[in-house]
């Protein structure tokens, strides 16, 4: 099973949730698949009686930028509709280092008391993730590696990630070949994806590798990312 998802929507909407003292982070979410009908989560309201801050979970692009203050070293998102006296955690992950972060979510194992989503937080600033780069996030249970214009990257262990530059060996259309290989149980590398990518120093690529839980087949999801905070505001009429 292979797929290439549509480029992200270039939106930049900020919402603020300043509950308590803690660490302020501007983040976006990227949902790989919805857990049941949970297509929107929530952050606690800043004051009693106010509505919580909605956190949309898009599967074809990243969300808008959302600002929140987390009171611990973890980012915590809640089930929409749960009350402050009985909050239901939907996703939780240790915060990354940057003030700009990307939260990647995927459905978690079902079970009473378990969060609906597994979540990982990654630095999203341009120092950690430069324009013209590829961020490869390996959420498969096996190591993966990339073959970019014939050059093989070091393997990326399960639940780890790597950032590497797009290829400079491009054709007349600025395209270059890319493949993803998964390490099989017998120690051989199996190609799970092959395509041509377009190089651009004005864009980043987010590539997520997984193994389908039902069919046990490699899955590669690709999201072209133009950071919304770099885009010029719309002209005022």
Protein backbone atom coordinates (compact mmCIF):
# COMPACT_ATOMS: atom_id res chain seq x y z
CA UNK A 1 0.00 0.00 0.00
CA UNK A 2 1.57 3.26 -1.14
CA UNK A 3 0.18 6.74 -1.22
CA UNK A 4 1.13 10.36 -1.72
CA UNK A 5 -1.05 12.82 0.10
CA UNK A 6 -2.03 16.29 -1.06
CA UNK A 7 0.16 19.29 -0.07
CA UNK A 8 -0.83 21.01 3.11
CA UNK A 9 -3.28 23.87 3.19
CA UNK A 10 -1.34 27.10 3.55
CA UNK A 11 -3.17 28.55 6.51
CA UNK A 12 -1.89 30.29 9.62
CA UNK A 13 -4.55 30.69 12.26
CA UNK A 14 -3.40 31.19 15.85
CA UNK A 15 -5.34 30.33 18.97
CA UNK A 16 -4.12 30.90 22.49
CA UNK A 17 -4.59 28.80 25.57
CA UNK A 18 -2.71 30.11 28.59
CA UNK A 19 -3.70 27.78 31.38
CA UNK A 20 -1.36 28.15 34.31
CA UNK A 21 2.37 28.78 34.26
CA UNK A 22 4.44 26.60 32.00
CA UNK A 23 5.99 26.44 28.59
CA UNK A 24 4.47 28.31 25.66
CA UNK A 25 4.61 26.44 22.35
CA UNK A 26 3.31 27.16 18.86
CA UNK A 27 2.37 23.83 17.34
CA UNK A 28 0.64 22.16 14.44
CA UNK A 29 -0.88 18.70 14.31
CA UNK A 30 -0.64 16.03 11.62
CA UNK A 31 -2.95 13.03 11.97
CA UNK A 32 -2.04 9.87 10.05
CA UNK A 33 -5.46 8.30 10.56
CA UNK A 34 -8.44 9.06 12.74
CA UNK A 35 -9.20 7.05 15.86
CA UNK A 36 -12.92 6.33 15.55
CA UNK A 37 -14.77 9.67 15.28
CA UNK A 38 -12.17 11.80 17.09
CA UNK A 39 -11.42 14.31 14.34
CA UNK A 40 -10.96 17.24 16.74
CA UNK A 41 -9.37 17.38 20.18
CA UNK A 42 -9.24 20.23 22.66
CA UNK A 43 -6.98 22.21 24.99
CA UNK A 44 -8.33 23.42 28.35
CA UNK A 45 -9.84 26.90 28.47
CA UNK A 46 -7.80 29.75 29.91
CA UNK A 47 -10.55 30.61 32.42
CA UNK A 48 -13.43 28.79 34.05
CA UNK A 49 -16.60 29.04 32.00
CA UNK A 50 -14.79 29.60 28.73
CA UNK A 51 -14.73 27.11 25.88
CA UNK A 52 -11.64 25.01 25.31
CA UNK A 53 -9.35 25.63 22.33
CA UNK A 54 -10.17 23.35 19.40
CA UNK A 55 -7.31 21.28 17.98
CA UNK A 56 -8.25 19.94 14.53
CA UNK A 57 -6.79 16.66 13.28
CA UNK A 58 -6.32 16.77 9.51
CA UNK A 59 -5.13 13.67 7.66
CA UNK A 60 -4.15 15.29 4.34
CA UNK A 61 -2.21 18.25 5.74
CA UNK A 62 -0.97 19.84 8.92
CA UNK A 63 -3.34 21.92 11.00
CA UNK A 64 -3.20 25.67 11.46
CA UNK A 65 -0.73 27.03 13.99
CA UNK A 66 -2.05 26.85 17.56
CA UNK A 67 -0.43 28.45 20.60
CA UNK A 68 -0.67 26.82 24.02
CA UNK A 69 1.05 26.91 27.38
CA UNK A 70 1.73 23.43 28.73
CA UNK A 71 2.16 23.23 32.50
CA UNK A 72 4.47 20.17 32.44
CA UNK A 73 7.12 18.77 30.11
CA UNK A 74 4.38 16.89 28.26
CA UNK A 75 1.98 18.08 25.58
CA UNK A 76 -1.49 16.85 26.48
CA UNK A 77 -4.60 17.00 24.28
CA UNK A 78 -8.07 16.06 25.52
CA UNK A 79 -11.23 14.50 24.16
CA UNK A 80 -13.67 17.17 23.03
CA UNK A 81 -16.60 17.43 25.45
CA UNK A 82 -14.80 16.04 28.49
CA UNK A 83 -15.26 18.24 31.55
CA UNK A 84 -12.50 19.94 33.61
CA UNK A 85 -13.37 17.82 36.63
CA UNK A 86 -13.17 14.62 34.55
CA UNK A 87 -10.76 15.33 31.68
CA UNK A 88 -10.20 12.48 29.23
CA UNK A 89 -6.71 12.45 27.75
CA UNK A 90 -6.75 11.73 24.01
CA UNK A 91 -3.04 12.17 23.28
CA UNK A 92 0.12 12.81 25.27
CA UNK A 93 3.81 13.14 24.40
CA UNK A 94 7.01 14.70 25.78
CA UNK A 95 7.55 18.14 24.30
CA UNK A 96 10.42 18.66 21.87
CA UNK A 97 13.00 21.42 22.36
CA UNK A 98 11.82 24.16 20.01
CA UNK A 99 9.17 26.82 20.55
CA UNK A 100 7.67 25.61 17.26
CA UNK A 101 6.61 21.97 17.17
CA UNK A 102 4.77 19.43 15.06
CA UNK A 103 2.60 16.87 16.82
CA UNK A 104 2.15 13.69 14.78
CA UNK A 105 -0.75 11.47 15.84
CA UNK A 106 -1.87 7.95 14.96
CA UNK A 107 -4.54 5.69 16.49
CA UNK A 108 -3.35 3.94 19.62
CA UNK A 109 -4.08 0.42 20.85
CA UNK A 110 -7.65 0.07 22.02
CA UNK A 111 -8.25 -0.54 25.69
CA UNK A 112 -10.01 0.99 28.64
CA UNK A 113 -8.16 3.98 30.04
CA UNK A 114 -5.72 4.22 27.13
CA UNK A 115 -5.43 7.43 25.09
CA UNK A 116 -7.11 7.23 21.69
CA UNK A 117 -3.96 8.46 19.96
CA UNK A 118 -0.25 7.81 20.06
CA UNK A 119 1.48 11.18 19.68
CA UNK A 120 5.04 12.28 18.97
CA UNK A 121 6.37 15.86 19.12
CA UNK A 122 9.07 17.12 16.74
CA UNK A 123 10.92 20.43 16.45
CA UNK A 124 9.33 22.42 13.63
CA UNK A 125 11.54 25.52 13.50
CA UNK A 126 13.76 26.27 10.50
CA UNK A 127 16.94 25.57 12.44
CA UNK A 128 15.99 21.97 13.18
CA UNK A 129 14.10 21.46 9.92
CA UNK A 130 15.44 23.66 7.13
CA UNK A 131 13.76 24.52 3.85
CA UNK A 132 14.91 22.10 1.16
CA UNK A 133 15.09 19.25 3.68
CA UNK A 134 13.33 15.93 4.19
CA UNK A 135 12.20 14.81 7.65
CA UNK A 136 11.82 11.03 7.70
CA UNK A 137 9.76 9.80 10.67
CA UNK A 138 9.87 6.04 11.12
CA UNK A 139 6.81 4.78 12.97
CA UNK A 140 7.22 1.27 11.57
CA UNK A 141 8.27 -1.50 13.99
CA UNK A 142 11.39 -2.15 11.86
CA UNK A 143 14.30 0.00 10.65
CA UNK A 144 13.99 1.79 7.31
CA UNK A 145 16.41 3.49 4.97
CA UNK A 146 16.12 5.81 1.98
CA UNK A 147 17.82 5.59 -1.40
CA UNK A 148 18.07 9.14 -2.77
CA UNK A 149 19.48 9.56 -6.29
CA UNK A 150 21.29 6.25 -5.85
CA UNK A 151 22.81 7.13 -2.44
CA UNK A 152 21.64 5.14 0.59
CA UNK A 153 21.03 6.90 3.91
CA UNK A 154 21.92 5.36 7.27
CA UNK A 155 19.08 3.23 8.59
CA UNK A 156 16.48 4.89 10.81
CA UNK A 157 15.48 2.70 13.79
CA UNK A 158 11.87 2.12 14.77
CA UNK A 159 10.24 5.18 16.42
CA UNK A 160 13.15 7.45 15.41
CA UNK A 161 13.54 10.13 12.77
CA UNK A 162 16.18 11.73 10.57
CA UNK A 163 16.49 15.00 8.66
CA UNK A 164 18.49 15.07 5.44
CA UNK A 165 18.74 17.45 2.46
CA UNK A 166 16.85 16.93 -0.75
CA UNK A 167 19.02 15.65 -3.57
CA UNK A 168 21.05 18.04 -5.71
CA UNK A 169 21.31 15.42 -8.47
CA UNK A 170 18.18 16.40 -10.37
CA UNK A 171 17.01 16.20 -13.97
CA UNK A 172 15.88 19.06 -16.21
CA UNK A 173 12.56 19.13 -14.35
CA UNK A 174 14.26 19.33 -10.94
CA UNK A 175 13.15 15.77 -10.18
CA UNK A 176 15.16 13.01 -8.51
CA UNK A 177 14.49 9.31 -7.73
CA UNK A 178 13.65 8.28 -4.16
CA UNK A 179 12.95 4.88 -2.65
CA UNK A 180 12.22 3.60 0.85
CA UNK A 181 13.37 0.19 2.04
CA UNK A 182 12.16 -1.72 5.10
CA UNK A 183 14.29 -4.27 6.97
CA UNK A 184 12.62 -7.68 6.84
CA UNK A 185 12.71 -10.39 9.48
CA UNK A 186 15.40 -12.34 7.60
CA UNK A 187 17.73 -9.35 7.51
CA UNK A 188 17.16 -8.31 3.90
CA UNK A 189 15.99 -4.88 2.75
CA UNK A 190 12.63 -4.81 0.98
CA UNK A 191 11.60 -1.88 -1.22
CA UNK A 192 8.31 -0.48 0.04
CA UNK A 193 8.12 2.69 -2.04
CA UNK A 194 9.65 4.17 -5.16
CA UNK A 195 8.87 7.47 -6.91
CA UNK A 196 10.33 10.72 -8.23
CA UNK A 197 10.44 13.73 -5.94
CA UNK A 198 10.75 17.38 -6.92
CA UNK A 199 13.52 19.34 -5.25
CA UNK A 200 12.71 22.80 -3.90
CA UNK A 201 14.56 25.13 -1.55
CA UNK A 202 11.23 26.78 -0.70
CA UNK A 203 9.58 23.69 0.75
CA UNK A 204 10.14 20.85 3.18
CA UNK A 205 9.01 17.22 2.89
CA UNK A 206 7.61 15.21 5.79
CA UNK A 207 7.80 11.47 5.11
CA UNK A 208 6.24 9.00 7.55
CA UNK A 209 6.93 5.27 7.27
CA UNK A 210 4.65 2.68 8.85
CA UNK A 211 3.55 -0.92 8.52
CA UNK A 212 -0.16 -1.50 8.01
CA UNK A 213 -1.46 -3.30 11.10
CA UNK A 214 -4.01 -5.42 9.26
CA UNK A 215 -2.22 -6.37 6.04
CA UNK A 216 1.37 -6.07 7.37
CA UNK A 217 2.39 -4.08 4.29
CA UNK A 218 4.78 -1.08 4.17
CA UNK A 219 3.09 2.31 4.08
CA UNK A 220 4.78 5.59 3.13
CA UNK A 221 2.93 8.89 3.60
CA UNK A 222 4.39 12.10 2.20
CA UNK A 223 3.38 15.66 3.03
CA UNK A 224 4.83 18.69 1.26
CA UNK A 225 5.24 21.45 3.82
CA UNK A 226 5.51 25.18 3.24
CA UNK A 227 5.70 26.67 6.76
CA UNK A 228 2.70 29.02 7.01
CA UNK A 229 4.56 31.60 9.11
CA UNK A 230 6.89 32.25 6.13
CA UNK A 231 4.11 33.13 3.72
CA UNK A 232 3.33 36.75 2.96
CA UNK A 233 -0.02 37.98 4.35
CA UNK A 234 -2.84 38.53 1.89
CA UNK A 235 -2.98 41.99 0.34
CA UNK A 236 -5.39 44.41 1.96
CA UNK A 237 -7.97 45.78 -0.50
